[in-house]
Amino acid sequence: LEAVKALPPPITTIPSTHRNVHLHGRWDENVGSWWAGTGIKLNVVNLHNLYINLGEYTTQPFAPAAVSIDGGPYFTANLSAGDNVIPL
């Protein structure tokens, strides 16, 4: 028998215009916001990994974000420009 390595699940990019992404707060036409308290809510099932990509004008060195998974307690994720991994 030969061991078979399990493939990682495919990465699906969900654009900010997707029907399961809900933006709240102040957003501009470029789906960018410069206002505190602006946020997103993402409704998905069977989520295994979560990556958030922030644009080049993200607050430096990072932008703190409050994250709650499955209605659990909030924790702070310090997000920077580019790809960010959110622990699940």
PDB file of N, CA and C in Angstrom:
ATOM      1  N   LEU A   1       0.828  -1.185   0.000  1.00  0.00           N
ATOM      2  CA  LEU A   1       0.000   0.000   0.000  1.00  0.00           C
ATOM      3  C   LEU A   1       0.870   1.246   0.000  1.00  0.00           C
ATOM      4  N   GLU A   2       0.410   2.212  -0.705  1.00  0.00           N
ATOM      5  CA  GLU A   2       1.128   3.478  -0.753  1.00  0.00           C
ATOM      6  C   GLU A   2       0.305   4.529  -0.024  1.00  0.00           C
ATOM      7  N   ALA A   3       0.956   5.275   0.830  1.00  0.00           N
ATOM      8  CA  ALA A   3       0.262   6.338   1.559  1.00  0.00           C
ATOM      9  C   ALA A   3      -0.120   7.448   0.582  1.00  0.00           C
ATOM     10  N   VAL A   4      -1.314   7.955   0.750  1.00  0.00           N
ATOM     11  CA  VAL A   4      -1.798   9.038  -0.095  1.00  0.00           C
ATOM     12  C   VAL A   4      -1.956  10.274   0.780  1.00  0.00           C
ATOM     13  N   LYS A   5      -1.300  11.322   0.385  1.00  0.00           N
ATOM     14  CA  LYS A   5      -1.384  12.572   1.131  1.00  0.00           C
ATOM     15  C   LYS A   5      -2.697  13.271   0.777  1.00  0.00           C
ATOM     16  N   ALA A   6      -3.432  13.663   1.809  1.00  0.00           N
ATOM     17  CA  ALA A   6      -4.701  14.359   1.584  1.00  0.00           C
ATOM     18  C   ALA A   6      -4.424  15.749   1.016  1.00  0.00           C
ATOM     19  N   LEU A   7      -5.177  16.112   0.030  1.00  0.00           N
ATOM     20  CA  LEU A   7      -5.037  17.436  -0.560  1.00  0.00           C
ATOM     21  C   LEU A   7      -5.730  18.464   0.321  1.00  0.00           C
ATOM     22  N   PRO A   8      -5.154  19.653   0.437  1.00  0.00           N
ATOM     23  CA  PRO A   8      -5.835  20.696   1.202  1.00  0.00           C
ATOM     24  C   PRO A   8      -7.093  21.128   0.449  1.00  0.00           C
ATOM     25  N   PRO A   9      -8.079  21.615   1.192  1.00  0.00           N
ATOM     26  CA  PRO A   9      -9.286  22.070   0.498  1.00  0.00           C
ATOM     27  C   PRO A   9      -8.949  23.237  -0.430  1.00  0.00           C
ATOM     28  N   PRO A  10      -9.668  23.364  -1.537  1.00  0.00           N
ATOM     29  CA  PRO A  10      -9.378  24.458  -2.462  1.00  0.00           C
ATOM     30  C   PRO A  10      -9.678  25.806  -1.808  1.00  0.00           C
ATOM     31  N   ILE A  11      -8.955  26.819  -2.219  1.00  0.00           N
ATOM     32  CA  ILE A  11      -9.192  28.165  -1.707  1.00  0.00           C
ATOM     33  C   ILE A  11     -10.244  28.826  -2.582  1.00  0.00           C
ATOM     34  N   THR A  12     -11.256  29.359  -1.950  1.00  0.00           N
ATOM     35  CA  THR A  12     -12.314  30.071  -2.647  1.00  0.00           C
ATOM     36  C   THR A  12     -12.224  31.540  -2.275  1.00  0.00           C
ATOM     37  N   THR A  13     -12.115  32.395  -3.251  1.00  0.00           N
ATOM     38  CA  THR A  13     -12.095  33.829  -2.995  1.00  0.00           C
ATOM     39  C   THR A  13     -13.524  34.337  -3.009  1.00  0.00           C
ATOM     40  N   ILE A  14     -13.903  35.004  -1.938  1.00  0.00           N
ATOM     41  CA  ILE A  14     -15.251  35.570  -1.837  1.00  0.00           C
ATOM     42  C   ILE A  14     -15.107  37.084  -1.927  1.00  0.00           C
ATOM     43  N   PRO A  15     -15.587  37.691  -3.014  1.00  0.00           N
ATOM     44  CA  PRO A  15     -15.451  39.144  -3.152  1.00  0.00           C
ATOM     45  C   PRO A  15     -16.368  39.878  -2.178  1.00  0.00           C
ATOM     46  N   SER A  16     -16.024  41.107  -1.891  1.00  0.00           N
ATOM     47  CA  SER A  16     -16.823  41.892  -0.943  1.00  0.00           C
ATOM     48  C   SER A  16     -18.235  42.153  -1.449  1.00  0.00           C
ATOM     49  N   THR A  17     -18.494  41.917  -2.729  1.00  0.00           N
ATOM     50  CA  THR A  17     -19.828  42.119  -3.295  1.00  0.00           C
ATOM     51  C   THR A  17     -20.694  40.863  -3.223  1.00  0.00           C
ATOM     52  N   HIS A  18     -20.156  39.770  -2.682  1.00  0.00           N
ATOM     53  CA  HIS A  18     -20.896  38.507  -2.596  1.00  0.00           C
ATOM     54  C   HIS A  18     -22.098  38.663  -1.664  1.00  0.00           C
ATOM     55  N   ARG A  19     -23.192  37.959  -1.931  1.00  0.00           N
ATOM     56  CA  ARG A  19     -24.420  38.085  -1.135  1.00  0.00           C
ATOM     57  C   ARG A  19     -24.261  37.622   0.304  1.00  0.00           C
ATOM     58  N   ASN A  20     -23.239  36.829   0.617  1.00  0.00           N
ATOM     59  CA  ASN A  20     -23.014  36.387   1.993  1.00  0.00           C
ATOM     60  C   ASN A  20     -22.044  37.273   2.763  1.00  0.00           C
ATOM     61  N   VAL A  21     -21.610  38.355   2.150  1.00  0.00           N
ATOM     62  CA  VAL A  21     -20.761  39.333   2.829  1.00  0.00           C
ATOM     63  C   VAL A  21     -21.621  40.562   3.098  1.00  0.00           C
ATOM     64  N   HIS A  22     -21.702  40.940   4.359  1.00  0.00           N
ATOM     65  CA  HIS A  22     -22.512  42.094   4.759  1.00  0.00           C
ATOM     66  C   HIS A  22     -21.580  43.167   5.311  1.00  0.00           C
ATOM     67  N   LEU A  23     -21.547  44.324   4.654  1.00  0.00           N
ATOM     68  CA  LEU A  23     -20.714  45.443   5.082  1.00  0.00           C
ATOM     69  C   LEU A  23     -21.545  46.352   5.973  1.00  0.00           C
ATOM     70  N   HIS A  24     -20.969  46.796   7.086  1.00  0.00           N
ATOM     71  CA  HIS A  24     -21.669  47.771   7.919  1.00  0.00           C
ATOM     72  C   HIS A  24     -20.701  48.891   8.276  1.00  0.00           C
ATOM     73  N   GLY A  25     -21.243  50.052   8.538  1.00  0.00           N
ATOM     74  CA  GLY A  25     -20.405  51.224   8.783  1.00  0.00           C
ATOM     75  C   GLY A  25     -20.307  52.044   7.513  1.00  0.00           C
ATOM     76  N   ARG A  26     -19.249  52.794   7.392  1.00  0.00           N
ATOM     77  CA  ARG A  26     -19.063  53.679   6.236  1.00  0.00           C
ATOM     78  C   ARG A  26     -18.079  53.062   5.252  1.00  0.00           C
ATOM     79  N   TRP A  27     -18.537  52.849   4.043  1.00  0.00           N
ATOM     80  CA  TRP A  27     -17.708  52.288   2.968  1.00  0.00           C
ATOM     81  C   TRP A  27     -17.802  53.207   1.770  1.00  0.00           C
ATOM     82  N   ASP A  28     -16.743  53.301   0.990  1.00  0.00           N
ATOM     83  CA  ASP A  28     -16.826  54.095  -0.229  1.00  0.00           C
ATOM     84  C   ASP A  28     -17.032  53.185  -1.435  1.00  0.00           C
ATOM     85  N   GLU A  29     -17.080  53.767  -2.618  1.00  0.00           N
ATOM     86  CA  GLU A  29     -17.367  52.984  -3.822  1.00  0.00           C
ATOM     87  C   GLU A  29     -16.274  51.969  -4.140  1.00  0.00           C
ATOM     88  N   ASN A  30     -15.116  52.091  -3.545  1.00  0.00           N
ATOM     89  CA  ASN A  30     -14.028  51.144  -3.766  1.00  0.00           C
ATOM     90  C   ASN A  30     -13.996  50.048  -2.714  1.00  0.00           C
ATOM     91  N   VAL A  31     -15.045  49.925  -1.940  1.00  0.00           N
ATOM     92  CA  VAL A  31     -15.137  48.977  -0.830  1.00  0.00           C
ATOM     93  C   VAL A  31     -13.951  49.180   0.112  1.00  0.00           C
ATOM     94  N   GLY A  32     -13.654  50.430   0.361  1.00  0.00           N
ATOM     95  CA  GLY A  32     -12.631  50.783   1.337  1.00  0.00           C
ATOM     96  C   GLY A  32     -13.246  51.722   2.342  1.00  0.00           C
ATOM     97  N   SER A  33     -12.784  51.671   3.558  1.00  0.00           N
ATOM     98  CA  SER A  33     -13.328  52.554   4.578  1.00  0.00           C
ATOM     99  C   SER A  33     -12.201  53.161   5.384  1.00  0.00           C
ATOM    100  N   TRP A  34     -12.391  54.384   5.777  1.00  0.00           N
ATOM    101  CA  TRP A  34     -11.405  55.089   6.595  1.00  0.00           C
ATOM    102  C   TRP A  34     -11.982  55.368   7.974  1.00  0.00           C
ATOM    103  N   TRP A  35     -13.099  54.750   8.318  1.00  0.00           N
ATOM    104  CA  TRP A  35     -13.805  55.073   9.551  1.00  0.00           C
ATOM    105  C   TRP A  35     -13.705  53.948  10.570  1.00  0.00           C
ATOM    106  N   ALA A  36     -13.475  54.321  11.824  1.00  0.00           N
ATOM    107  CA  ALA A  36     -13.485  53.331  12.913  1.00  0.00           C
ATOM    108  C   ALA A  36     -14.885  52.735  13.037  1.00  0.00           C
ATOM    109  N   GLY A  37     -14.961  51.483  13.397  1.00  0.00           N
ATOM    110  CA  GLY A  37     -16.251  50.831  13.589  1.00  0.00           C
ATOM    111  C   GLY A  37     -16.828  50.227  12.328  1.00  0.00           C
ATOM    112  N   THR A  38     -16.159  50.385  11.207  1.00  0.00           N
ATOM    113  CA  THR A  38     -16.608  49.778   9.967  1.00  0.00           C
ATOM    114  C   THR A  38     -16.278  48.292  10.021  1.00  0.00           C
ATOM    115  N   GLY A  39     -17.169  47.452   9.506  1.00  0.00           N
ATOM    116  CA  GLY A  39     -16.887  46.028   9.598  1.00  0.00           C
ATOM    117  C   GLY A  39     -17.582  45.208   8.534  1.00  0.00           C
ATOM    118  N   ILE A  40     -17.346  43.905   8.609  1.00  0.00           N
ATOM    119  CA  ILE A  40     -17.986  42.954   7.710  1.00  0.00           C
ATOM    120  C   ILE A  40     -18.527  41.797   8.523  1.00  0.00           C
ATOM    121  N   LYS A  41     -19.531  41.154   7.988  1.00  0.00           N
ATOM    122  CA  LYS A  41     -20.044  39.909   8.545  1.00  0.00           C
ATOM    123  C   LYS A  41     -20.072  38.924   7.387  1.00  0.00           C
ATOM    124  N   LEU A  42     -19.527  37.739   7.604  1.00  0.00           N
ATOM    125  CA  LEU A  42     -19.439  36.723   6.566  1.00  0.00           C
ATOM    126  C   LEU A  42     -20.208  35.501   7.030  1.00  0.00           C
ATOM    127  N   ASN A  43     -21.194  35.070   6.258  1.00  0.00           N
ATOM    128  CA  ASN A  43     -21.991  33.889   6.587  1.00  0.00           C
ATOM    129  C   ASN A  43     -21.546  32.717   5.725  1.00  0.00           C
ATOM    130  N   VAL A  44     -20.890  31.723   6.348  1.00  0.00           N
ATOM    131  CA  VAL A  44     -20.445  30.528   5.631  1.00  0.00           C
ATOM    132  C   VAL A  44     -20.608  29.310   6.538  1.00  0.00           C
ATOM    133  N   VAL A  45     -20.641  28.135   5.922  1.00  0.00           N
ATOM    134  CA  VAL A  45     -20.667  26.876   6.676  1.00  0.00           C
ATOM    135  C   VAL A  45     -19.460  26.047   6.254  1.00  0.00           C
ATOM    136  N   ASN A  46     -19.041  25.144   7.133  1.00  0.00           N
ATOM    137  CA  ASN A  46     -17.895  24.262   6.870  1.00  0.00           C
ATOM    138  C   ASN A  46     -16.623  25.040   6.537  1.00  0.00           C
ATOM    139  N   LEU A  47     -16.407  26.113   7.258  1.00  0.00           N
ATOM    140  CA  LEU A  47     -15.212  26.922   7.037  1.00  0.00           C
ATOM    141  C   LEU A  47     -14.015  26.244   7.694  1.00  0.00           C
ATOM    142  N   HIS A  48     -12.952  26.042   6.927  1.00  0.00           N
ATOM    143  CA  HIS A  48     -11.755  25.381   7.450  1.00  0.00           C
ATOM    144  C   HIS A  48     -10.609  26.367   7.641  1.00  0.00           C
ATOM    145  N   ASN A  49     -10.528  27.364   6.796  1.00  0.00           N
ATOM    146  CA  ASN A  49      -9.474  28.377   6.851  1.00  0.00           C
ATOM    147  C   ASN A  49     -10.089  29.718   6.487  1.00  0.00           C
ATOM    148  N   LEU A  50      -9.555  30.777   7.061  1.00  0.00           N
ATOM    149  CA  LEU A  50     -10.028  32.109   6.710  1.00  0.00           C
ATOM    150  C   LEU A  50      -8.823  33.020   6.518  1.00  0.00           C
ATOM    151  N   TYR A  51      -8.747  33.608   5.341  1.00  0.00           N
ATOM    152  CA  TYR A  51      -7.697  34.557   5.006  1.00  0.00           C
ATOM    153  C   TYR A  51      -8.379  35.869   4.640  1.00  0.00           C
ATOM    154  N   ILE A  52      -7.870  36.962   5.138  1.00  0.00           N
ATOM    155  CA  ILE A  52      -8.397  38.276   4.786  1.00  0.00           C
ATOM    156  C   ILE A  52      -7.272  39.061   4.129  1.00  0.00           C
ATOM    157  N   ASN A  53      -7.564  39.621   2.959  1.00  0.00           N
ATOM    158  CA  ASN A  53      -6.572  40.406   2.243  1.00  0.00           C
ATOM    159  C   ASN A  53      -6.956  41.872   2.350  1.00  0.00           C
ATOM    160  N   LEU A  54      -6.062  42.668   2.936  1.00  0.00           N
ATOM    161  CA  LEU A  54      -6.295  44.101   3.063  1.00  0.00           C
ATOM    162  C   LEU A  54      -5.420  44.853   2.072  1.00  0.00           C
ATOM    163  N   GLY A  55      -5.926  45.974   1.606  1.00  0.00           N
ATOM    164  CA  GLY A  55      -5.227  46.756   0.591  1.00  0.00           C
ATOM    165  C   GLY A  55      -4.020  47.513   1.116  1.00  0.00           C
ATOM    166  N   GLU A  56      -3.355  48.166   0.193  1.00  0.00           N
ATOM    167  CA  GLU A  56      -2.095  48.843   0.495  1.00  0.00           C
ATOM    168  C   GLU A  56      -2.244  50.037   1.426  1.00  0.00           C
ATOM    169  N   TYR A  57      -3.438  50.582   1.571  1.00  0.00           N
ATOM    170  CA  TYR A  57      -3.624  51.761   2.417  1.00  0.00           C
ATOM    171  C   TYR A  57      -4.081  51.402   3.827  1.00  0.00           C
ATOM    172  N   THR A  58      -3.897  50.158   4.224  1.00  0.00           N
ATOM    173  CA  THR A  58      -4.252  49.711   5.564  1.00  0.00           C
ATOM    174  C   THR A  58      -3.384  50.430   6.592  1.00  0.00           C
ATOM    175  N   THR A  59      -3.977  50.762   7.729  1.00  0.00           N
ATOM    176  CA  THR A  59      -3.242  51.403   8.814  1.00  0.00           C
ATOM    177  C   THR A  59      -1.973  50.621   9.121  1.00  0.00           C
ATOM    178  N   GLN A  60      -0.860  51.313   9.270  1.00  0.00           N
ATOM    179  CA  GLN A  60       0.427  50.663   9.541  1.00  0.00           C
ATOM    180  C   GLN A  60       0.793  50.795  11.011  1.00  0.00           C
ATOM    181  N   PRO A  61       1.431  49.852  11.655  1.00  0.00           N
ATOM    182  CA  PRO A  61       1.857  48.597  11.061  1.00  0.00           C
ATOM    183  C   PRO A  61       0.720  47.589  10.928  1.00  0.00           C
ATOM    184  N   PHE A  62      -0.410  47.806  11.620  1.00  0.00           N
ATOM    185  CA  PHE A  62      -1.535  46.885  11.500  1.00  0.00           C
ATOM    186  C   PHE A  62      -2.824  47.594  11.886  1.00  0.00           C
ATOM    187  N   ALA A  63      -3.933  46.959  11.540  1.00  0.00           N
ATOM    188  CA  ALA A  63      -5.255  47.438  11.926  1.00  0.00           C
ATOM    189  C   ALA A  63      -5.878  46.375  12.823  1.00  0.00           C
ATOM    190  N   PRO A  64      -6.185  46.699  14.078  1.00  0.00           N
ATOM    191  CA  PRO A  64      -6.803  45.707  14.947  1.00  0.00           C
ATOM    192  C   PRO A  64      -8.241  45.440  14.496  1.00  0.00           C
ATOM    193  N   ALA A  65      -8.637  44.182  14.488  1.00  0.00           N
ATOM    194  CA  ALA A  65      -9.994  43.791  14.096  1.00  0.00           C
ATOM    195  C   ALA A  65     -10.563  42.853  15.152  1.00  0.00           C
ATOM    196  N   ALA A  66     -11.797  43.079  15.540  1.00  0.00           N
ATOM    197  CA  ALA A  66     -12.481  42.181  16.469  1.00  0.00           C
ATOM    198  C   ALA A  66     -13.077  41.040  15.660  1.00  0.00           C
ATOM    199  N   VAL A  67     -12.811  39.806  16.074  1.00  0.00           N
ATOM    200  CA  VAL A  67     -13.257  38.623  15.338  1.00  0.00           C
ATOM    201  C   VAL A  67     -14.010  37.704  16.283  1.00  0.00           C
ATOM    202  N   SER A  68     -15.153  37.207  15.835  1.00  0.00           N
ATOM    203  CA  SER A  68     -15.922  36.204  16.572  1.00  0.00           C
ATOM    204  C   SER A  68     -16.258  35.088  15.596  1.00  0.00           C
ATOM    205  N   ILE A  69     -15.974  33.848  15.974  1.00  0.00           N
ATOM    206  CA  ILE A  69     -16.243  32.690  15.123  1.00  0.00           C
ATOM    207  C   ILE A  69     -17.383  31.895  15.736  1.00  0.00           C
ATOM    208  N   ASP A  70     -18.410  31.601  14.943  1.00  0.00           N
ATOM    209  CA  ASP A  70     -19.566  30.818  15.395  1.00  0.00           C
ATOM    210  C   ASP A  70     -20.203  31.377  16.658  1.00  0.00           C
ATOM    211  N   GLY A  71     -20.265  32.695  16.778  1.00  0.00           N
ATOM    212  CA  GLY A  71     -20.907  33.317  17.928  1.00  0.00           C
ATOM    213  C   GLY A  71     -20.089  33.253  19.202  1.00  0.00           C
ATOM    214  N   GLY A  72     -18.838  32.834  19.100  1.00  0.00           N
ATOM    215  CA  GLY A  72     -17.969  32.735  20.271  1.00  0.00           C
ATOM    216  C   GLY A  72     -17.499  34.099  20.739  1.00  0.00           C
ATOM    217  N   PRO A  73     -16.665  34.111  21.771  1.00  0.00           N
ATOM    218  CA  PRO A  73     -16.160  35.388  22.271  1.00  0.00           C
ATOM    219  C   PRO A  73     -15.283  36.075  21.227  1.00  0.00           C
ATOM    220  N   TYR A  74     -15.266  37.389  21.285  1.00  0.00           N
ATOM    221  CA  TYR A  74     -14.440  38.158  20.358  1.00  0.00           C
ATOM    222  C   TYR A  74     -12.982  38.095  20.776  1.00  0.00           C
ATOM    223  N   PHE A  75     -12.102  38.105  19.787  1.00  0.00           N
ATOM    224  CA  PHE A  75     -10.676  38.254  20.030  1.00  0.00           C
ATOM    225  C   PHE A  75     -10.140  39.259  19.026  1.00  0.00           C
ATOM    226  N   THR A  76      -8.998  39.829  19.316  1.00  0.00           N
ATOM    227  CA  THR A  76      -8.406  40.827  18.431  1.00  0.00           C
ATOM    228  C   THR A  76      -7.426  40.169  17.478  1.00  0.00           C
ATOM    229  N   ALA A  77      -7.611  40.437  16.201  1.00  0.00           N
ATOM    230  CA  ALA A  77      -6.664  39.994  15.178  1.00  0.00           C
ATOM    231  C   ALA A  77      -6.010  41.253  14.617  1.00  0.00           C
ATOM    232  N   ASN A  78      -4.704  41.330  14.681  1.00  0.00           N
ATOM    233  CA  ASN A  78      -3.975  42.475  14.131  1.00  0.00           C
ATOM    234  C   ASN A  78      -3.683  42.200  12.661  1.00  0.00           C
ATOM    235  N   LEU A  79      -4.415  42.880  11.790  1.00  0.00           N
ATOM    236  CA  LEU A  79      -4.328  42.648  10.353  1.00  0.00           C
ATOM    237  C   LEU A  79      -3.424  43.687   9.710  1.00  0.00           C
ATOM    238  N   SER A  80      -2.636  43.251   8.751  1.00  0.00           N
ATOM    239  CA  SER A  80      -1.752  44.163   8.026  1.00  0.00           C
ATOM    240  C   SER A  80      -2.093  44.106   6.540  1.00  0.00           C
ATOM    241  N   ALA A  81      -1.489  44.984   5.772  1.00  0.00           N
ATOM    242  CA  ALA A  81      -1.722  44.983   4.331  1.00  0.00           C
ATOM    243  C   ALA A  81      -1.294  43.641   3.751  1.00  0.00           C
ATOM    244  N   GLY A  82      -2.064  43.135   2.799  1.00  0.00           N
ATOM    245  CA  GLY A  82      -1.777  41.835   2.194  1.00  0.00           C
ATOM    246  C   GLY A  82      -2.613  40.740   2.837  1.00  0.00           C
ATOM    247  N   ASP A  83      -2.163  39.497   2.687  1.00  0.00           N
ATOM    248  CA  ASP A  83      -2.911  38.347   3.203  1.00  0.00           C
ATOM    249  C   ASP A  83      -2.715  38.182   4.702  1.00  0.00           C
ATOM    250  N   ASN A  84      -3.807  37.888   5.401  1.00  0.00           N
ATOM    251  CA  ASN A  84      -3.803  37.649   6.838  1.00  0.00           C
ATOM    252  C   ASN A  84      -4.541  36.351   7.108  1.00  0.00           C
ATOM    253  N   VAL A  85      -3.990  35.506   7.975  1.00  0.00           N
ATOM    254  CA  VAL A  85      -4.634  34.251   8.361  1.00  0.00           C
ATOM    255  C   VAL A  85      -5.377  34.495   9.664  1.00  0.00           C
ATOM    256  N   ILE A  86      -6.666  34.150   9.690  1.00  0.00           N
ATOM    257  CA  ILE A  86      -7.474  34.271  10.899  1.00  0.00           C
ATOM    258  C   ILE A  86      -7.577  32.886  11.511  1.00  0.00           C
ATOM    259  N   PRO A  87      -7.137  32.709  12.762  1.00  0.00           N
ATOM    260  CA  PRO A  87      -7.215  31.383  13.384  1.00  0.00           C
ATOM    261  C   PRO A  87      -8.663  30.996  13.664  1.00  0.00           C
ATOM    262  N   LEU A  88      -9.011  29.770  13.320  1.00  0.00           N
ATOM    263  CA  LEU A  88     -10.377  29.285  13.568  1.00  0.00           C
ATOM    264  C   LEU A  88     -10.393  28.358  14.759  1.00  0.00           C
TER     265      LEU A  88
END
